[in-house]
Structures are given as C-alpha cells and as structure tokens.
Amino acid sequence: MVARSEGRQNSLLSAKEAKEKLAMAAAEQAAEHARARDAEQAEKQRLIEKLSEPSGIPDEDVMQRAAAIVERAISNGLSEVQVYRFPNQLCTDGGRAISQAEAGWEKTLTGVPAEIYGFWDRKLRPLGYKIRFEIVEWSGGLRGDVGVTLRWV
C-alpha cells in the first residue's frame, strides 16, 4: 500500500506515490494476464487429452450428424464445409506431414481426428465424398489448428 505524506492538506498523490501506484496496477494486470493465459493453456491441454481418446460415438450417429451438416450446407449453396477443427498436437508430428501434403499424412492422426478420417474412408469415401485436412491457422509462422473439410462436388 502506498503511504501518503503526513500533514498533506489535499488528496493529490505525490509523483513518487503516483509512480508506485501505477507500478502496482501494472503488476496486477500482468499477473491477471498470466493467470488467464495459464487457465487457457490448462483448458487446451484438457481438450487435447479428451480428443486423444476415442469418442465412443457410433457410426450411425456420426452418419446422422454428417447428413445434417451436408443438408444444411447444400441449402446454403455450398459444395464443401469445414466439419472439424483441432489442435495440431493431435498429429504425431505436429501437423508437419499435413502442411507438406506428404503421402501417408493420415497415419500421423490420433484420437478423434483419426476416427474422423477412418469414418470418411469407411462410409463417406464410397459415396463419393472427398476430405481435406489442412493447417488453417498459422501463428508467427508456426503451424496451428488443423481444419477438416468435407466436399461433395
């Protein structure tokens, strides 16, 4: 706490007191930003852990969801739609093979993204649907999130 000079008649802080008060406010703001960043990182880590596990959703339910997404997109005049987005940490190589369009990139997928690819390969590919996995976010030149787009034209 900033101590006021004794015997002062007005409520104006001294320059030293103002500087100290400003420094304390800046320190509190920095601490708040750090707490928010830590909470965001923890939430992202929980999400990655959850998405690394099998979803447990049966193919029939996934097919119903896919049909609804496609119907909605078609009614909006679209021939493709992004159906999923996930952190690149769910790829064993951080999304490198996807960004380089390397053969076998699908083998780097884990968890739910691997399930999505497998579902497409088993159920949607035979119906003529195409799928595209691509890096959709670049932050400071680094790979970020991966988007999954389903296309039917």
C-alpha atoms as a PDB file:
ATOM      1  CA  MET A   1       0.000   0.000   0.000  1.00  0.00           C
ATOM      2  CA  VAL A   2       1.287   3.473  -0.839  1.00  0.00           C
ATOM      3  CA  ALA A   3       1.730   5.625   2.275  1.00  0.00           C
ATOM      4  CA  ARG A   4       0.706   9.247   1.966  1.00  0.00           C
ATOM      5  CA  SER A   5       2.958  12.044   3.106  1.00  0.00           C
ATOM      6  CA  GLU A   6       1.899  13.162   6.550  1.00  0.00           C
ATOM      7  CA  GLY A   7       0.370  16.529   7.031  1.00  0.00           C
ATOM      8  CA  ARG A   8      -0.758  16.943   3.439  1.00  0.00           C
ATOM      9  CA  GLN A   9      -3.870  19.066   3.065  1.00  0.00           C
ATOM     10  CA  ASN A  10      -5.012  17.903  -0.406  1.00  0.00           C
ATOM     11  CA  SER A  11      -5.698  14.452  -1.873  1.00  0.00           C
ATOM     12  CA  LEU A  12      -3.214  14.703  -4.737  1.00  0.00           C
ATOM     13  CA  LEU A  13      -0.640  11.917  -4.685  1.00  0.00           C
ATOM     14  CA  SER A  14       2.999  12.828  -4.789  1.00  0.00           C
ATOM     15  CA  ALA A  15       4.779  11.939  -8.029  1.00  0.00           C
ATOM     16  CA  LYS A  16       6.533   9.094  -6.197  1.00  0.00           C
ATOM     17  CA  GLU A  17       3.222   7.774  -4.860  1.00  0.00           C
ATOM     18  CA  ALA A  18       1.625   8.003  -8.315  1.00  0.00           C
ATOM     19  CA  LYS A  19       4.543   6.108  -9.831  1.00  0.00           C
ATOM     20  CA  GLU A  20       4.289   3.382  -7.157  1.00  0.00           C
ATOM     21  CA  LYS A  21       0.524   3.099  -7.608  1.00  0.00           C
ATOM     22  CA  LEU A  22       0.952   2.818 -11.387  1.00  0.00           C
ATOM     23  CA  ALA A  23       3.607   0.119 -10.957  1.00  0.00           C
ATOM     24  CA  MET A  24       1.344  -1.874  -8.634  1.00  0.00           C
ATOM     25  CA  ALA A  25      -1.563  -1.630 -11.082  1.00  0.00           C
ATOM     26  CA  ALA A  26       0.679  -2.761 -13.957  1.00  0.00           C
ATOM     27  CA  ALA A  27       1.965  -5.685 -11.889  1.00  0.00           C
ATOM     28  CA  GLU A  28      -1.595  -6.751 -11.018  1.00  0.00           C
ATOM     29  CA  GLN A  29      -2.630  -6.505 -14.670  1.00  0.00           C
ATOM     30  CA  ALA A  30       0.357  -8.615 -15.735  1.00  0.00           C
ATOM     31  CA  ALA A  31      -0.481 -11.184 -13.052  1.00  0.00           C
ATOM     32  CA  GLU A  32      -4.097 -11.312 -14.269  1.00  0.00           C
ATOM     33  CA  HIS A  33      -2.948 -11.854 -17.872  1.00  0.00           C
ATOM     34  CA  ALA A  34      -0.624 -14.635 -16.694  1.00  0.00           C
ATOM     35  CA  ARG A  35      -3.468 -16.320 -14.765  1.00  0.00           C
ATOM     36  CA  ALA A  36      -5.755 -16.098 -17.813  1.00  0.00           C
ATOM     37  CA  ARG A  37      -3.030 -17.499 -20.102  1.00  0.00           C
ATOM     38  CA  ASP A  38      -2.356 -20.359 -17.670  1.00  0.00           C
ATOM     39  CA  ALA A  39      -6.080 -21.161 -17.453  1.00  0.00           C
ATOM     40  CA  GLU A  40      -6.341 -21.119 -21.260  1.00  0.00           C
ATOM     41  CA  GLN A  41      -3.343 -23.450 -21.589  1.00  0.00           C
ATOM     42  CA  ALA A  42      -4.787 -25.825 -18.989  1.00  0.00           C
ATOM     43  CA  GLU A  43      -8.139 -25.868 -20.803  1.00  0.00           C
ATOM     44  CA  LYS A  44      -6.399 -26.553 -24.124  1.00  0.00           C
ATOM     45  CA  GLN A  45      -4.439 -29.396 -22.526  1.00  0.00           C
ATOM     46  CA  ARG A  46      -7.665 -30.914 -21.159  1.00  0.00           C
ATOM     47  CA  LEU A  47      -9.212 -30.653 -24.630  1.00  0.00           C
ATOM     48  CA  ILE A  48      -6.199 -32.338 -26.247  1.00  0.00           C
ATOM     49  CA  GLU A  49      -6.358 -35.143 -23.682  1.00  0.00           C
ATOM     50  CA  LYS A  50     -10.088 -35.602 -24.297  1.00  0.00           C
ATOM     51  CA  LEU A  51      -9.690 -35.570 -28.092  1.00  0.00           C
ATOM     52  CA  SER A  52      -6.816 -38.052 -27.853  1.00  0.00           C
ATOM     53  CA  GLU A  53      -9.247 -40.670 -26.581  1.00  0.00           C
ATOM     54  CA  PRO A  54     -11.853 -42.490 -28.690  1.00  0.00           C
ATOM     55  CA  SER A  55     -15.088 -40.511 -28.897  1.00  0.00           C
ATOM     56  CA  GLY A  56     -17.325 -43.533 -28.372  1.00  0.00           C
ATOM     57  CA  ILE A  57     -19.854 -42.183 -30.882  1.00  0.00           C
ATOM     58  CA  PRO A  58     -21.331 -44.986 -33.027  1.00  0.00           C
ATOM     59  CA  ASP A  59     -21.050 -44.738 -36.823  1.00  0.00           C
ATOM     60  CA  GLU A  60     -24.833 -44.438 -37.137  1.00  0.00           C
ATOM     61  CA  ASP A  61     -24.849 -41.269 -35.023  1.00  0.00           C
ATOM     62  CA  VAL A  62     -21.889 -39.845 -36.925  1.00  0.00           C
ATOM     63  CA  MET A  63     -23.692 -40.563 -40.204  1.00  0.00           C
ATOM     64  CA  GLN A  64     -26.788 -38.692 -38.975  1.00  0.00           C
ATOM     65  CA  ARG A  65     -24.655 -35.709 -37.953  1.00  0.00           C
ATOM     66  CA  ALA A  66     -22.833 -35.759 -41.302  1.00  0.00           C
ATOM     67  CA  ALA A  67     -26.139 -35.893 -43.194  1.00  0.00           C
ATOM     68  CA  ALA A  68     -27.454 -32.884 -41.259  1.00  0.00           C
ATOM     69  CA  ILE A  69     -24.260 -30.899 -41.894  1.00  0.00           C
ATOM     70  CA  VAL A  70     -24.290 -31.697 -45.628  1.00  0.00           C
ATOM     71  CA  GLU A  71     -28.009 -30.879 -45.970  1.00  0.00           C
ATOM     72  CA  ARG A  72     -27.527 -27.527 -44.209  1.00  0.00           C
ATOM     73  CA  ALA A  73     -24.534 -26.682 -46.388  1.00  0.00           C
ATOM     74  CA  ILE A  74     -26.395 -27.615 -49.578  1.00  0.00           C
ATOM     75  CA  SER A  75     -29.359 -25.449 -48.551  1.00  0.00           C
ATOM     76  CA  ASN A  76     -26.863 -22.585 -48.215  1.00  0.00           C
ATOM     77  CA  GLY A  77     -25.494 -23.227 -51.706  1.00  0.00           C
ATOM     78  CA  LEU A  78     -22.201 -24.757 -50.561  1.00  0.00           C
ATOM     79  CA  SER A  79     -20.361 -27.707 -52.075  1.00  0.00           C
ATOM     80  CA  GLU A  80     -17.979 -28.141 -49.146  1.00  0.00           C
ATOM     81  CA  VAL A  81     -17.959 -27.413 -45.435  1.00  0.00           C
ATOM     82  CA  GLN A  82     -15.420 -27.441 -42.635  1.00  0.00           C
ATOM     83  CA  VAL A  83     -16.671 -30.177 -40.333  1.00  0.00           C
ATOM     84  CA  TYR A  84     -13.984 -30.169 -37.656  1.00  0.00           C
ATOM     85  CA  ARG A  85     -11.039 -28.202 -36.322  1.00  0.00           C
ATOM     86  CA  PHE A  86      -8.446 -29.472 -33.878  1.00  0.00           C
ATOM     87  CA  PRO A  87      -5.072 -28.547 -32.352  1.00  0.00           C
ATOM     88  CA  ASN A  88      -2.066 -29.744 -34.352  1.00  0.00           C
ATOM     89  CA  GLN A  89      -0.817 -31.518 -31.222  1.00  0.00           C
ATOM     90  CA  LEU A  90      -3.246 -34.310 -32.130  1.00  0.00           C
ATOM     91  CA  CYS A  91      -0.900 -35.196 -35.006  1.00  0.00           C
ATOM     92  CA  THR A  92       2.166 -37.202 -34.043  1.00  0.00           C
ATOM     93  CA  ASP A  93       4.322 -34.727 -35.984  1.00  0.00           C
ATOM     94  CA  GLY A  94       2.504 -31.515 -35.032  1.00  0.00           C
ATOM     95  CA  GLY A  95       0.846 -31.313 -38.457  1.00  0.00           C
ATOM     96  CA  ARG A  96       4.076 -31.229 -40.484  1.00  0.00           C
ATOM     97  CA  ALA A  97       3.058 -34.007 -42.891  1.00  0.00           C
ATOM     98  CA  ILE A  98      -0.324 -32.362 -43.455  1.00  0.00           C
ATOM     99  CA  SER A  99       1.233 -28.971 -44.205  1.00  0.00           C
ATOM    100  CA  GLN A 100       3.693 -30.629 -46.599  1.00  0.00           C
ATOM    101  CA  ALA A 101       0.968 -32.800 -48.209  1.00  0.00           C
ATOM    102  CA  GLU A 102       3.180 -35.852 -47.694  1.00  0.00           C
ATOM    103  CA  ALA A 103       1.972 -39.298 -48.652  1.00  0.00           C
ATOM    104  CA  GLY A 104       0.793 -41.121 -45.541  1.00  0.00           C
ATOM    105  CA  TRP A 105      -0.053 -37.926 -43.618  1.00  0.00           C
ATOM    106  CA  GLU A 106      -3.217 -39.634 -42.343  1.00  0.00           C
ATOM    107  CA  LYS A 107      -1.045 -42.024 -40.307  1.00  0.00           C
ATOM    108  CA  THR A 108       0.003 -39.063 -38.126  1.00  0.00           C
ATOM    109  CA  LEU A 109      -3.583 -38.521 -36.883  1.00  0.00           C
ATOM    110  CA  THR A 110      -4.519 -39.616 -33.379  1.00  0.00           C
ATOM    111  CA  GLY A 111      -7.718 -39.727 -31.330  1.00  0.00           C
ATOM    112  CA  VAL A 112     -10.865 -38.136 -32.718  1.00  0.00           C
ATOM    113  CA  PRO A 113      -9.173 -36.816 -35.898  1.00  0.00           C
ATOM    114  CA  ALA A 114      -8.081 -40.381 -36.721  1.00  0.00           C
ATOM    115  CA  GLU A 115     -11.679 -41.518 -36.107  1.00  0.00           C
ATOM    116  CA  ILE A 116     -12.967 -38.848 -38.489  1.00  0.00           C
ATOM    117  CA  TYR A 117     -10.554 -39.952 -41.206  1.00  0.00           C
ATOM    118  CA  GLY A 118     -11.470 -43.608 -40.632  1.00  0.00           C
ATOM    119  CA  PHE A 119     -15.199 -42.846 -40.775  1.00  0.00           C
ATOM    120  CA  TRP A 120     -14.758 -40.937 -44.028  1.00  0.00           C
ATOM    121  CA  ASP A 121     -12.675 -43.759 -45.501  1.00  0.00           C
ATOM    122  CA  ARG A 122     -15.207 -46.469 -44.500  1.00  0.00           C
ATOM    123  CA  LYS A 123     -18.516 -44.680 -45.008  1.00  0.00           C
ATOM    124  CA  LEU A 124     -18.232 -41.437 -46.987  1.00  0.00           C
ATOM    125  CA  ARG A 125     -15.484 -42.141 -49.499  1.00  0.00           C
ATOM    126  CA  PRO A 126     -17.530 -44.951 -51.126  1.00  0.00           C
ATOM    127  CA  LEU A 127     -20.346 -42.397 -51.555  1.00  0.00           C
ATOM    128  CA  GLY A 128     -18.015 -40.066 -53.493  1.00  0.00           C
ATOM    129  CA  TYR A 129     -17.190 -37.554 -50.737  1.00  0.00           C
ATOM    130  CA  LYS A 130     -13.727 -36.012 -50.573  1.00  0.00           C
ATOM    131  CA  ILE A 131     -11.957 -34.931 -47.399  1.00  0.00           C
ATOM    132  CA  ARG A 132      -9.201 -32.385 -46.871  1.00  0.00           C
ATOM    133  CA  PHE A 133      -7.087 -31.911 -43.749  1.00  0.00           C
ATOM    134  CA  GLU A 134      -5.130 -28.647 -43.805  1.00  0.00           C
ATOM    135  CA  ILE A 135      -3.440 -26.236 -41.452  1.00  0.00           C
ATOM    136  CA  VAL A 136      -5.965 -23.420 -41.074  1.00  0.00           C
ATOM    137  CA  GLU A 137      -4.119 -21.269 -38.559  1.00  0.00           C
ATOM    138  CA  TRP A 138      -0.553 -20.031 -38.656  1.00  0.00           C
ATOM    139  CA  SER A 139       0.687 -18.061 -35.663  1.00  0.00           C
ATOM    140  CA  GLY A 140       4.053 -16.389 -36.002  1.00  0.00           C
ATOM    141  CA  GLY A 141       4.923 -18.707 -38.885  1.00  0.00           C
ATOM    142  CA  LEU A 142       4.193 -21.810 -36.802  1.00  0.00           C
ATOM    143  CA  ARG A 143       1.580 -24.450 -37.598  1.00  0.00           C
ATOM    144  CA  GLY A 144      -1.594 -24.108 -35.588  1.00  0.00           C
ATOM    145  CA  ASP A 145      -5.010 -25.725 -35.810  1.00  0.00           C
ATOM    146  CA  VAL A 146      -5.935 -28.271 -38.459  1.00  0.00           C
ATOM    147  CA  GLY A 147      -9.252 -27.955 -40.292  1.00  0.00           C
ATOM    148  CA  VAL A 148     -11.173 -30.860 -41.788  1.00  0.00           C
ATOM    149  CA  THR A 149     -13.272 -30.056 -44.864  1.00  0.00           C
ATOM    150  CA  LEU A 150     -15.799 -32.382 -46.452  1.00  0.00           C
ATOM    151  CA  ARG A 151     -16.528 -31.848 -50.160  1.00  0.00           C
ATOM    152  CA  TRP A 152     -19.109 -33.429 -52.462  1.00  0.00           C
ATOM    153  CA  VAL A 153     -18.568 -31.758 -55.836  1.00  0.00           C
END
